Amino acid sequence: MRHATLTVALLLASACDGQPRPRTAFDGEAALAHVRTQVAFGPRVPGTAGHRRTGDWIVAQMRQRADTVIEQRWTHVTLRGDSLPMRNILARIRPELADRVLYVAHWDTRPTADYDLDPAKRATPIDGANDGASGVAVLMGVAEALRRTPPTVGVDLLFVDGEDYGEFGDLSTHRDVLIGASYFAEHPPVAGYQPIFGVVWDMVGDADPQFKQETQSVQGAPEVVQRVWRTAQELGYGDVFVEQSAGMIDDDHVPLLRTGMRVIDVIDLQYGATGTLGATASYHHTTLDTVDKVCARTLQIVGDVAVALVTGS
C-alpha cells in the first residue's frame, strides 16, 4: 500500500509540473491560493461554521472585485424536515450592459464522503478542494483578471449554494441537490433575465484534466459548447478540451437550461489517480478530495478559457 500511495503521489506531482504560459490576465497560482483558503475554512456544508465563514469571505472578496454584489438568502427545508440556511452570491461586472454572460460555480461541499473506499470514513464531510473550491477559485480569478482586462460584455459571477447536499439519482429521484441553481432559476435577479450564454465550472482543478462535452449541454445549447471548445482550441488547449462525449451529467446547468437559459457544464468527473496495477482510484465524494490534488496548471487553462470568452483575448 505504501508503494502504491507513493506512485500516485509521483504521478500527481508530474502532472502538475510545468505551468503553461498564461494566455490571459488570469493567474493560476493565485487561483490555487483561493482553493487553499476555502479548504482552510473546513467543510462548507450548509448550516456549519465553515459554510458561514466561506460565504462571508466570498462576499467580501467580490465587493473588492465586482461592481455590484447581490445576496439571495432563504431557508431550504429538506425532505427529512431539516432547515438549511442557503445563500447564493451574485457578483456583477459592468451591470449597465444589457448583453451578459453568466458564470456559475457551487461553493458548498458534500456532507458525506459516501464514495470513500473506507466504510469508516463515509460519514465524514469532504474537503471539496476540487468539487467546489476549484470552481469558486476560477470565478474569483476571472473577476481579478477582468479588473485588468475589462470584458466586452457584462459578466455575472454566480456562486450557488446547496449543489451537493442531498442524493443524486434519476431526474425524478434527485433529493435536495442543485438547490441554489434551482432557486436562482426561479428567482432571477432581474425580471426576464436572459444571458447571451452561460457556463457552469465544476471540478476544474484536476491534475490530469480532460473536459469532454456533456450531453445535456450539447442538446440544450450546442452553440455554447462550440464556442467554449473553439476558444480552448484557439488558445492551444485542444488536448484538454476534447471533442468527445462525456455522457449525461446532472449539474447546476440543468435547472437553468430548463428555464431557457443557454447554460452548459464544463466538468471533469474522471478525477483520480492510477496506481501501480493500472487501477484508477476516484477522489470524487471521498476524503481524498484534498488540496494537494488540485493543480495551478489546470486552473490556468480553465481560467484562460473563461477570460478569453468574455474579452476576446
C-alpha atoms as a PDB file:
ATOM      1  CA  MET A   1       0.000   0.000   0.000  1.00  0.00           C
ATOM      2  CA  ARG A   2       2.817   2.400   0.790  1.00  0.00           C
ATOM      3  CA  HIS A   3       4.343   1.772  -2.653  1.00  0.00           C
ATOM      4  CA  ALA A   4       1.035   2.353  -4.399  1.00  0.00           C
ATOM      5  CA  THR A   5       0.464   5.599  -2.485  1.00  0.00           C
ATOM      6  CA  LEU A   6       3.938   6.819  -3.395  1.00  0.00           C
ATOM      7  CA  THR A   7       3.313   6.049  -7.059  1.00  0.00           C
ATOM      8  CA  VAL A   8       0.071   8.024  -7.022  1.00  0.00           C
ATOM      9  CA  ALA A   9       1.819  10.973  -5.380  1.00  0.00           C
ATOM     10  CA  LEU A  10       4.562  10.949  -8.009  1.00  0.00           C
ATOM     11  CA  LEU A  11       2.004  10.844 -10.804  1.00  0.00           C
ATOM     12  CA  LEU A  12       0.225  13.851  -9.318  1.00  0.00           C
ATOM     13  CA  ALA A  13       3.462  15.793  -8.970  1.00  0.00           C
ATOM     14  CA  SER A  14       4.498  15.146 -12.577  1.00  0.00           C
ATOM     15  CA  ALA A  15       1.022  16.029 -13.899  1.00  0.00           C
ATOM     16  CA  CYS A  16       1.195  19.422 -12.179  1.00  0.00           C
ATOM     17  CA  ASP A  17       4.712  20.233 -13.373  1.00  0.00           C
ATOM     18  CA  GLY A  18       5.111  22.952 -15.981  1.00  0.00           C
ATOM     19  CA  GLN A  19       2.838  25.973 -15.670  1.00  0.00           C
ATOM     20  CA  PRO A  20       1.574  26.916 -19.168  1.00  0.00           C
ATOM     21  CA  ARG A  21       2.289  30.399 -20.480  1.00  0.00           C
ATOM     22  CA  PRO A  22      -0.777  32.427 -19.487  1.00  0.00           C
ATOM     23  CA  ARG A  23      -2.892  33.417 -22.478  1.00  0.00           C
ATOM     24  CA  THR A  24      -4.871  35.996 -20.475  1.00  0.00           C
ATOM     25  CA  ALA A  25      -4.598  38.053 -17.292  1.00  0.00           C
ATOM     26  CA  PHE A  26      -5.805  35.045 -15.261  1.00  0.00           C
ATOM     27  CA  ASP A  27      -3.355  33.865 -12.565  1.00  0.00           C
ATOM     28  CA  GLY A  28      -3.432  30.112 -11.919  1.00  0.00           C
ATOM     29  CA  GLU A  29      -1.195  30.293  -8.841  1.00  0.00           C
ATOM     30  CA  ALA A  30      -3.429  32.938  -7.269  1.00  0.00           C
ATOM     31  CA  ALA A  31      -6.445  30.741  -8.019  1.00  0.00           C
ATOM     32  CA  LEU A  32      -4.774  27.822  -6.257  1.00  0.00           C
ATOM     33  CA  ALA A  33      -4.288  30.066  -3.219  1.00  0.00           C
ATOM     34  CA  HIS A  34      -8.054  30.694  -3.266  1.00  0.00           C
ATOM     35  CA  VAL A  35      -8.608  26.919  -3.188  1.00  0.00           C
ATOM     36  CA  ARG A  36      -6.359  26.641  -0.136  1.00  0.00           C
ATOM     37  CA  THR A  37      -8.235  29.442   1.627  1.00  0.00           C
ATOM     38  CA  GLN A  38     -11.577  27.719   1.151  1.00  0.00           C
ATOM     39  CA  VAL A  39     -10.308  24.345   2.336  1.00  0.00           C
ATOM     40  CA  ALA A  40      -8.835  26.036   5.420  1.00  0.00           C
ATOM     41  CA  PHE A  41     -12.343  27.164   6.386  1.00  0.00           C
ATOM     42  CA  GLY A  42     -13.255  23.484   6.717  1.00  0.00           C
ATOM     43  CA  PRO A  43     -16.125  21.630   5.025  1.00  0.00           C
ATOM     44  CA  ARG A  44     -18.630  24.122   3.591  1.00  0.00           C
ATOM     45  CA  VAL A  45     -21.759  22.162   4.470  1.00  0.00           C
ATOM     46  CA  PRO A  46     -24.871  24.371   4.770  1.00  0.00           C
ATOM     47  CA  GLY A  47     -25.547  25.246   8.389  1.00  0.00           C
ATOM     48  CA  THR A  48     -21.936  24.857   9.588  1.00  0.00           C
ATOM     49  CA  ALA A  49     -19.420  27.454  10.726  1.00  0.00           C
ATOM     50  CA  GLY A  50     -17.190  26.682   7.735  1.00  0.00           C
ATOM     51  CA  HIS A  51     -20.092  27.361   5.392  1.00  0.00           C
ATOM     52  CA  ARG A  52     -20.867  30.693   7.038  1.00  0.00           C
ATOM     53  CA  ARG A  53     -17.232  31.854   7.048  1.00  0.00           C
ATOM     54  CA  THR A  54     -16.753  30.892   3.406  1.00  0.00           C
ATOM     55  CA  GLY A  55     -19.879  32.733   2.310  1.00  0.00           C
ATOM     56  CA  ASP A  56     -18.782  35.858   4.152  1.00  0.00           C
ATOM     57  CA  TRP A  57     -15.335  35.580   2.540  1.00  0.00           C
ATOM     58  CA  ILE A  58     -16.763  35.261  -0.975  1.00  0.00           C
ATOM     59  CA  VAL A  59     -18.956  38.322  -0.436  1.00  0.00           C
ATOM     60  CA  ALA A  60     -16.027  40.360   0.894  1.00  0.00           C
ATOM     61  CA  GLN A  61     -13.764  39.312  -1.983  1.00  0.00           C
ATOM     62  CA  MET A  62     -16.384  40.053  -4.616  1.00  0.00           C
ATOM     63  CA  ARG A  63     -17.120  43.500  -3.181  1.00  0.00           C
ATOM     64  CA  GLN A  64     -13.479  44.317  -3.892  1.00  0.00           C
ATOM     65  CA  ARG A  65     -13.580  42.950  -7.454  1.00  0.00           C
ATOM     66  CA  ALA A  66     -17.082  43.451  -8.862  1.00  0.00           C
ATOM     67  CA  ASP A  67     -19.315  46.475  -9.397  1.00  0.00           C
ATOM     68  CA  THR A  68     -22.375  45.033  -7.644  1.00  0.00           C
ATOM     69  CA  VAL A  69     -22.885  42.124  -5.247  1.00  0.00           C
ATOM     70  CA  ILE A  70     -26.332  40.645  -4.635  1.00  0.00           C
ATOM     71  CA  GLU A  71     -27.066  38.022  -1.986  1.00  0.00           C
ATOM     72  CA  GLN A  72     -30.018  35.691  -2.190  1.00  0.00           C
ATOM     73  CA  ARG A  73     -30.808  34.226   1.245  1.00  0.00           C
ATOM     74  CA  TRP A  74     -33.522  31.717   2.028  1.00  0.00           C
ATOM     75  CA  THR A  75     -34.227  28.613   4.086  1.00  0.00           C
ATOM     76  CA  HIS A  76     -34.422  25.280   2.332  1.00  0.00           C
ATOM     77  CA  VAL A  77     -36.427  22.580   4.082  1.00  0.00           C
ATOM     78  CA  THR A  78     -35.141  19.135   3.133  1.00  0.00           C
ATOM     79  CA  LEU A  79     -37.286  16.087   2.540  1.00  0.00           C
ATOM     80  CA  ARG A  80     -36.209  14.929   6.015  1.00  0.00           C
ATOM     81  CA  GLY A  81     -37.537  18.159   7.503  1.00  0.00           C
ATOM     82  CA  ASP A  82     -34.188  19.829   8.224  1.00  0.00           C
ATOM     83  CA  SER A  83     -33.993  23.609   7.730  1.00  0.00           C
ATOM     84  CA  LEU A  84     -30.849  24.732   5.911  1.00  0.00           C
ATOM     85  CA  PRO A  85     -29.702  28.368   5.626  1.00  0.00           C
ATOM     86  CA  MET A  86     -28.930  28.986   1.959  1.00  0.00           C
ATOM     87  CA  ARG A  87     -27.072  31.788   0.220  1.00  0.00           C
ATOM     88  CA  ASN A  88     -26.452  32.470  -3.449  1.00  0.00           C
ATOM     89  CA  ILE A  89     -23.946  35.224  -4.198  1.00  0.00           C
ATOM     90  CA  LEU A  90     -24.138  37.110  -7.496  1.00  0.00           C
ATOM     91  CA  ALA A  91     -21.248  39.429  -8.403  1.00  0.00           C
ATOM     92  CA  ARG A  92     -21.931  41.666 -11.410  1.00  0.00           C
ATOM     93  CA  ILE A  93     -19.276  43.252 -13.592  1.00  0.00           C
ATOM     94  CA  ARG A  94     -20.376  46.096 -15.878  1.00  0.00           C
ATOM     95  CA  PRO A  95     -24.009  45.802 -14.732  1.00  0.00           C
ATOM     96  CA  GLU A  96     -25.041  48.615 -17.062  1.00  0.00           C
ATOM     97  CA  LEU A  97     -24.583  46.402 -20.130  1.00  0.00           C
ATOM     98  CA  ALA A  98     -27.607  44.526 -21.462  1.00  0.00           C
ATOM     99  CA  ASP A  99     -25.589  41.757 -23.125  1.00  0.00           C
ATOM    100  CA  ARG A 100     -24.402  39.474 -20.340  1.00  0.00           C
ATOM    101  CA  VAL A 101     -22.557  36.202 -19.753  1.00  0.00           C
ATOM    102  CA  LEU A 102     -23.292  34.038 -16.706  1.00  0.00           C
ATOM    103  CA  TYR A 103     -20.580  32.005 -14.990  1.00  0.00           C
ATOM    104  CA  VAL A 104     -21.630  29.601 -12.232  1.00  0.00           C
ATOM    105  CA  ALA A 105     -19.808  27.599  -9.545  1.00  0.00           C
ATOM    106  CA  HIS A 106     -21.118  25.904  -6.409  1.00  0.00           C
ATOM    107  CA  TRP A 107     -19.422  26.851  -3.155  1.00  0.00           C
ATOM    108  CA  ASP A 108     -20.883  24.235  -0.799  1.00  0.00           C
ATOM    109  CA  THR A 109     -19.326  20.840  -0.110  1.00  0.00           C
ATOM    110  CA  ARG A 110     -20.827  17.406   0.297  1.00  0.00           C
ATOM    111  CA  PRO A 111     -21.707  16.476   3.901  1.00  0.00           C
ATOM    112  CA  THR A 112     -20.605  12.850   3.485  1.00  0.00           C
ATOM    113  CA  ALA A 113     -17.753  11.026   1.754  1.00  0.00           C
ATOM    114  CA  ASP A 114     -20.183   8.393   0.517  1.00  0.00           C
ATOM    115  CA  TYR A 115     -17.860   7.098  -2.241  1.00  0.00           C
ATOM    116  CA  ASP A 116     -14.899   6.590   0.076  1.00  0.00           C
ATOM    117  CA  LEU A 117     -13.220   3.191  -0.164  1.00  0.00           C
ATOM    118  CA  ASP A 118     -13.001   3.117   3.620  1.00  0.00           C
ATOM    119  CA  PRO A 119     -16.501   2.498   5.046  1.00  0.00           C
ATOM    120  CA  ALA A 120     -15.456   4.102   8.335  1.00  0.00           C
ATOM    121  CA  LYS A 121     -14.962   7.446   6.555  1.00  0.00           C
ATOM    122  CA  ARG A 122     -18.171   7.586   4.562  1.00  0.00           C
ATOM    123  CA  ALA A 123     -19.987   9.743   7.120  1.00  0.00           C
ATOM    124  CA  THR A 124     -17.154  12.306   7.079  1.00  0.00           C
ATOM    125  CA  PRO A 125     -17.680  15.675   5.327  1.00  0.00           C
ATOM    126  CA  ILE A 126     -15.289  16.177   2.418  1.00  0.00           C
ATOM    127  CA  ASP A 127     -12.756  18.992   1.911  1.00  0.00           C
ATOM    128  CA  GLY A 128     -14.103  19.607  -1.579  1.00  0.00           C
ATOM    129  CA  ALA A 129     -10.845  21.034  -2.910  1.00  0.00           C
ATOM    130  CA  ASN A 130     -11.772  20.150  -6.483  1.00  0.00           C
ATOM    131  CA  ASP A 131     -15.501  19.545  -6.051  1.00  0.00           C
ATOM    132  CA  GLY A 132     -16.470  23.054  -5.040  1.00  0.00           C
ATOM    133  CA  ALA A 133     -13.378  25.104  -4.271  1.00  0.00           C
ATOM    134  CA  SER A 134     -11.814  24.888  -7.750  1.00  0.00           C
ATOM    135  CA  GLY A 135     -14.851  26.396  -9.481  1.00  0.00           C
ATOM    136  CA  VAL A 136     -15.082  29.185  -6.915  1.00  0.00           C
ATOM    137  CA  ALA A 137     -11.370  29.884  -7.406  1.00  0.00           C
ATOM    138  CA  VAL A 138     -11.833  30.162 -11.165  1.00  0.00           C
ATOM    139  CA  LEU A 139     -14.692  32.655 -10.779  1.00  0.00           C
ATOM    140  CA  MET A 140     -12.657  34.674  -8.309  1.00  0.00           C
ATOM    141  CA  GLY A 141      -9.671  34.641 -10.661  1.00  0.00           C
ATOM    142  CA  VAL A 142     -11.891  35.732 -13.548  1.00  0.00           C
ATOM    143  CA  ALA A 143     -13.034  38.738 -11.505  1.00  0.00           C
ATOM    144  CA  GLU A 144      -9.409  39.631 -10.771  1.00  0.00           C
ATOM    145  CA  ALA A 145      -8.435  39.285 -14.441  1.00  0.00           C
ATOM    146  CA  LEU A 146     -11.343  41.432 -15.627  1.00  0.00           C
ATOM    147  CA  ARG A 147     -10.139  44.313 -13.469  1.00  0.00           C
ATOM    148  CA  ARG A 148      -7.037  44.382 -15.683  1.00  0.00           C
ATOM    149  CA  THR A 149      -8.736  43.413 -18.952  1.00  0.00           C
ATOM    150  CA  PRO A 150     -12.305  44.755 -18.991  1.00  0.00           C
ATOM    151  CA  PRO A 151     -14.844  42.448 -20.638  1.00  0.00           C
ATOM    152  CA  THR A 152     -16.655  43.338 -23.846  1.00  0.00           C
ATOM    153  CA  VAL A 153     -19.937  42.177 -22.277  1.00  0.00           C
ATOM    154  CA  GLY A 154     -21.451  42.300 -18.834  1.00  0.00           C
ATOM    155  CA  VAL A 155     -20.355  39.365 -16.694  1.00  0.00           C
ATOM    156  CA  ASP A 156     -22.353  37.788 -13.870  1.00  0.00           C
ATOM    157  CA  LEU A 157     -20.449  35.508 -11.477  1.00  0.00           C
ATOM    158  CA  LEU A 158     -22.915  33.306  -9.589  1.00  0.00           C
ATOM    159  CA  PHE A 159     -21.791  31.293  -6.562  1.00  0.00           C
ATOM    160  CA  VAL A 160     -24.606  28.835  -5.870  1.00  0.00           C
ATOM    161  CA  ASP A 161     -25.285  27.019  -2.628  1.00  0.00           C
ATOM    162  CA  GLY A 162     -26.532  23.512  -1.914  1.00  0.00           C
ATOM    163  CA  GLU A 163     -25.483  21.799  -5.137  1.00  0.00           C
ATOM    164  CA  ASP A 164     -24.093  18.744  -3.398  1.00  0.00           C
ATOM    165  CA  TYR A 165     -26.137  18.377  -0.227  1.00  0.00           C
ATOM    166  CA  GLY A 166     -28.509  15.504  -0.840  1.00  0.00           C
ATOM    167  CA  GLU A 167     -28.905  12.496  -3.102  1.00  0.00           C
ATOM    168  CA  PHE A 168     -28.432  12.312  -6.860  1.00  0.00           C
ATOM    169  CA  GLY A 169     -30.302   9.712  -8.893  1.00  0.00           C
ATOM    170  CA  ASP A 170     -32.593   9.736 -11.874  1.00  0.00           C
ATOM    171  CA  LEU A 171     -34.048  13.158 -12.619  1.00  0.00           C
ATOM    172  CA  SER A 172     -37.241  12.104 -10.864  1.00  0.00           C
ATOM    173  CA  THR A 173     -35.421  10.956  -7.721  1.00  0.00           C
ATOM    174  CA  HIS A 174     -32.981  13.824  -7.049  1.00  0.00           C
ATOM    175  CA  ARG A 175     -33.301  14.887  -3.432  1.00  0.00           C
ATOM    176  CA  ASP A 176     -32.028  18.172  -2.031  1.00  0.00           C
ATOM    177  CA  VAL A 177     -29.382  18.803  -4.696  1.00  0.00           C
ATOM    178  CA  LEU A 178     -28.895  21.654  -7.204  1.00  0.00           C
ATOM    179  CA  ILE A 179     -30.707  23.761  -4.608  1.00  0.00           C
ATOM    180  CA  GLY A 180     -29.091  27.137  -5.277  1.00  0.00           C
ATOM    181  CA  ALA A 181     -29.206  26.884  -9.058  1.00  0.00           C
ATOM    182  CA  SER A 182     -32.879  25.888  -8.903  1.00  0.00           C
ATOM    183  CA  TYR A 183     -33.610  28.845  -6.642  1.00  0.00           C
ATOM    184  CA  PHE A 184     -31.805  31.246  -8.977  1.00  0.00           C
ATOM    185  CA  ALA A 185     -33.685  29.856 -11.965  1.00  0.00           C
ATOM    186  CA  GLU A 186     -36.976  30.519 -10.175  1.00  0.00           C
ATOM    187  CA  HIS A 187     -35.893  33.881  -8.692  1.00  0.00           C
ATOM    188  CA  PRO A 188     -33.674  35.670 -11.233  1.00  0.00           C
ATOM    189  CA  PRO A 189     -32.176  39.000 -10.081  1.00  0.00           C
ATOM    190  CA  VAL A 190     -33.878  40.844 -12.922  1.00  0.00           C
ATOM    191  CA  ALA A 191     -37.238  40.028 -14.443  1.00  0.00           C
ATOM    192  CA  GLY A 192     -36.729  38.249 -17.743  1.00  0.00           C
ATOM    193  CA  TYR A 193     -33.053  37.673 -17.050  1.00  0.00           C
ATOM    194  CA  GLN A 194     -31.527  36.000 -20.098  1.00  0.00           C
ATOM    195  CA  PRO A 195     -27.752  35.924 -20.559  1.00  0.00           C
ATOM    196  CA  ILE A 196     -26.273  35.503 -24.025  1.00  0.00           C
ATOM    197  CA  PHE A 197     -24.774  32.289 -22.740  1.00  0.00           C
ATOM    198  CA  GLY A 198     -23.592  30.737 -19.504  1.00  0.00           C
ATOM    199  CA  VAL A 199     -21.107  28.177 -18.236  1.00  0.00           C
ATOM    200  CA  VAL A 200     -21.043  26.108 -15.059  1.00  0.00           C
ATOM    201  CA  TRP A 201     -17.422  25.497 -13.996  1.00  0.00           C
ATOM    202  CA  ASP A 202     -17.311  22.447 -11.723  1.00  0.00           C
ATOM    203  CA  MET A 203     -14.433  20.146 -10.736  1.00  0.00           C
ATOM    204  CA  VAL A 204     -11.985  22.135 -12.846  1.00  0.00           C
ATOM    205  CA  GLY A 205      -8.734  21.684 -10.893  1.00  0.00           C
ATOM    206  CA  ASP A 206      -7.833  18.035 -11.562  1.00  0.00           C
ATOM    207  CA  ALA A 207      -4.109  17.456 -12.105  1.00  0.00           C
ATOM    208  CA  ASP A 208      -4.864  15.379 -15.217  1.00  0.00           C
ATOM    209  CA  PRO A 209      -7.754  17.243 -16.851  1.00  0.00           C
ATOM    210  CA  GLN A 210      -9.842  16.231 -19.811  1.00  0.00           C
ATOM    211  CA  PHE A 211     -13.026  18.168 -20.407  1.00  0.00           C
ATOM    212  CA  LYS A 212     -15.484  16.353 -22.640  1.00  0.00           C
ATOM    213  CA  GLN A 213     -18.797  17.645 -23.917  1.00  0.00           C
ATOM    214  CA  GLU A 214     -21.705  16.913 -21.585  1.00  0.00           C
ATOM    215  CA  THR A 215     -24.797  15.542 -23.324  1.00  0.00           C
ATOM    216  CA  GLN A 216     -27.489  17.850 -21.899  1.00  0.00           C
ATOM    217  CA  SER A 217     -25.262  20.820 -22.714  1.00  0.00           C
ATOM    218  CA  VAL A 218     -24.881  19.655 -26.316  1.00  0.00           C
ATOM    219  CA  GLN A 219     -28.606  19.076 -26.623  1.00  0.00           C
ATOM    220  CA  GLY A 220     -29.697  22.272 -24.861  1.00  0.00           C
ATOM    221  CA  ALA A 221     -27.111  24.814 -26.014  1.00  0.00           C
ATOM    222  CA  PRO A 222     -24.923  23.351 -28.766  1.00  0.00           C
ATOM    223  CA  GLU A 223     -23.721  26.766 -29.929  1.00  0.00           C
ATOM    224  CA  VAL A 224     -22.338  27.492 -26.451  1.00  0.00           C
ATOM    225  CA  VAL A 225     -20.482  24.172 -26.371  1.00  0.00           C
ATOM    226  CA  GLN A 226     -18.978  25.009 -29.758  1.00  0.00           C
ATOM    227  CA  ARG A 227     -17.984  28.487 -28.596  1.00  0.00           C
ATOM    228  CA  VAL A 228     -16.223  27.221 -25.463  1.00  0.00           C
ATOM    229  CA  TRP A 229     -14.383  24.333 -27.125  1.00  0.00           C
ATOM    230  CA  ARG A 230     -13.402  26.508 -30.125  1.00  0.00           C
ATOM    231  CA  THR A 231     -11.976  29.144 -27.776  1.00  0.00           C
ATOM    232  CA  ALA A 232      -9.978  26.481 -25.924  1.00  0.00           C
ATOM    233  CA  GLN A 233      -8.565  25.199 -29.203  1.00  0.00           C
ATOM    234  CA  GLU A 234      -7.626  28.703 -30.317  1.00  0.00           C
ATOM    235  CA  LEU A 235      -5.724  29.145 -27.053  1.00  0.00           C
ATOM    236  CA  GLY A 236      -3.818  25.919 -27.651  1.00  0.00           C
ATOM    237  CA  TYR A 237      -5.765  23.812 -25.147  1.00  0.00           C
ATOM    238  CA  GLY A 238      -7.357  21.381 -27.589  1.00  0.00           C
ATOM    239  CA  ASP A 239      -5.708  18.457 -25.811  1.00  0.00           C
ATOM    240  CA  VAL A 240      -7.596  19.376 -22.621  1.00  0.00           C
ATOM    241  CA  PHE A 241     -10.962  20.414 -24.082  1.00  0.00           C
ATOM    242  CA  VAL A 242     -11.586  17.391 -26.289  1.00  0.00           C
ATOM    243  CA  GLU A 243     -14.464  16.914 -28.703  1.00  0.00           C
ATOM    244  CA  GLN A 244     -15.757  13.708 -27.177  1.00  0.00           C
ATOM    245  CA  SER A 245     -18.961  12.928 -25.315  1.00  0.00           C
ATOM    246  CA  ALA A 246     -18.919  12.962 -21.527  1.00  0.00           C
ATOM    247  CA  GLY A 247     -22.371  11.416 -21.348  1.00  0.00           C
ATOM    248  CA  MET A 248     -25.204  12.893 -19.322  1.00  0.00           C
ATOM    249  CA  ILE A 249     -24.237  14.659 -16.083  1.00  0.00           C
ATOM    250  CA  ASP A 250     -26.784  16.359 -13.842  1.00  0.00           C
ATOM    251  CA  ASP A 251     -25.246  19.566 -12.569  1.00  0.00           C
ATOM    252  CA  ASP A 252     -26.213  23.171 -11.885  1.00  0.00           C
ATOM    253  CA  HIS A 253     -26.762  23.882 -15.588  1.00  0.00           C
ATOM    254  CA  VAL A 254     -29.853  21.631 -15.685  1.00  0.00           C
ATOM    255  CA  PRO A 255     -32.355  23.876 -13.823  1.00  0.00           C
ATOM    256  CA  LEU A 256     -31.015  26.879 -15.757  1.00  0.00           C
ATOM    257  CA  LEU A 257     -31.426  25.132 -19.105  1.00  0.00           C
ATOM    258  CA  ARG A 258     -34.987  24.261 -18.158  1.00  0.00           C
ATOM    259  CA  THR A 259     -35.850  27.968 -17.870  1.00  0.00           C
ATOM    260  CA  GLY A 260     -34.455  28.658 -21.331  1.00  0.00           C
ATOM    261  CA  MET A 261     -31.021  29.957 -20.336  1.00  0.00           C
ATOM    262  CA  ARG A 262     -28.249  28.820 -22.683  1.00  0.00           C
ATOM    263  CA  VAL A 263     -26.004  27.391 -19.972  1.00  0.00           C
ATOM    264  CA  ILE A 264     -23.604  24.463 -20.346  1.00  0.00           C
ATOM    265  CA  ASP A 265     -21.492  22.380 -17.984  1.00  0.00           C
ATOM    266  CA  VAL A 266     -17.680  22.246 -18.034  1.00  0.00           C
ATOM    267  CA  ILE A 267     -16.733  19.395 -15.695  1.00  0.00           C
ATOM    268  CA  ASP A 268     -14.182  16.586 -15.457  1.00  0.00           C
ATOM    269  CA  LEU A 269     -15.659  13.700 -13.491  1.00  0.00           C
ATOM    270  CA  GLN A 270     -12.650  11.484 -14.230  1.00  0.00           C
ATOM    271  CA  TYR A 271     -10.988  12.668 -11.040  1.00  0.00           C
ATOM    272  CA  GLY A 272      -8.466  10.251  -9.585  1.00  0.00           C
ATOM    273  CA  ALA A 273      -5.046   8.669  -9.906  1.00  0.00           C
ATOM    274  CA  THR A 274      -3.715   5.484 -11.430  1.00  0.00           C
ATOM    275  CA  GLY A 275      -1.887   3.076  -9.114  1.00  0.00           C
ATOM    276  CA  THR A 276       0.821   0.547  -9.798  1.00  0.00           C
ATOM    277  CA  LEU A 277      -1.585  -2.092 -11.138  1.00  0.00           C
ATOM    278  CA  GLY A 278      -3.307   0.306 -13.517  1.00  0.00           C
ATOM    279  CA  ALA A 279      -6.481   0.704 -11.446  1.00  0.00           C
ATOM    280  CA  THR A 280      -7.856   4.201 -11.011  1.00  0.00           C
ATOM    281  CA  ALA A 281      -8.840   5.405  -7.555  1.00  0.00           C
ATOM    282  CA  SER A 282     -11.501   8.113  -7.730  1.00  0.00           C
ATOM    283  CA  TYR A 283     -11.333  11.070  -5.351  1.00  0.00           C
ATOM    284  CA  HIS A 284     -14.895  12.194  -6.141  1.00  0.00           C
ATOM    285  CA  HIS A 285     -17.064  12.381  -2.991  1.00  0.00           C
ATOM    286  CA  THR A 286     -14.259  10.934  -0.867  1.00  0.00           C
ATOM    287  CA  THR A 287     -11.936  12.174   1.841  1.00  0.00           C
ATOM    288  CA  LEU A 288      -9.190  12.209  -0.819  1.00  0.00           C
ATOM    289  CA  ASP A 289     -10.610  15.335  -2.487  1.00  0.00           C
ATOM    290  CA  THR A 290      -7.907  17.442  -0.837  1.00  0.00           C
ATOM    291  CA  VAL A 291      -5.943  20.499  -1.897  1.00  0.00           C
ATOM    292  CA  ASP A 292      -2.866  18.516  -2.942  1.00  0.00           C
ATOM    293  CA  LYS A 293      -4.954  17.030  -5.777  1.00  0.00           C
ATOM    294  CA  VAL A 294      -5.647  20.465  -7.318  1.00  0.00           C
ATOM    295  CA  CYS A 295      -3.229  21.883  -9.877  1.00  0.00           C
ATOM    296  CA  ALA A 296      -2.443  25.535 -10.679  1.00  0.00           C
ATOM    297  CA  ARG A 297      -1.686  24.461 -14.253  1.00  0.00           C
ATOM    298  CA  THR A 298      -5.253  23.203 -14.753  1.00  0.00           C
ATOM    299  CA  LEU A 299      -6.748  26.284 -13.112  1.00  0.00           C
ATOM    300  CA  GLN A 300      -4.671  28.417 -15.502  1.00  0.00           C
ATOM    301  CA  ILE A 301      -6.018  26.572 -18.529  1.00  0.00           C
ATOM    302  CA  VAL A 302      -9.631  26.824 -17.408  1.00  0.00           C
ATOM    303  CA  GLY A 303      -9.242  30.439 -16.303  1.00  0.00           C
ATOM    304  CA  ASP A 304      -7.697  31.413 -19.630  1.00  0.00           C
ATOM    305  CA  VAL A 305     -10.681  29.956 -21.483  1.00  0.00           C
ATOM    306  CA  ALA A 306     -13.164  31.665 -19.158  1.00  0.00           C
ATOM    307  CA  VAL A 307     -11.498  35.055 -19.526  1.00  0.00           C
ATOM    308  CA  ALA A 308     -10.984  34.786 -23.274  1.00  0.00           C
ATOM    309  CA  LEU A 309     -14.665  34.035 -23.784  1.00  0.00           C
ATOM    310  CA  VAL A 310     -15.670  37.473 -22.428  1.00  0.00           C
ATOM    311  CA  THR A 311     -12.703  39.597 -23.534  1.00  0.00           C
ATOM    312  CA  GLY A 312     -11.846  38.237 -26.956  1.00  0.00           C
ATOM    313  CA  SER A 313      -8.254  37.673 -25.769  1.00  0.00           C
END
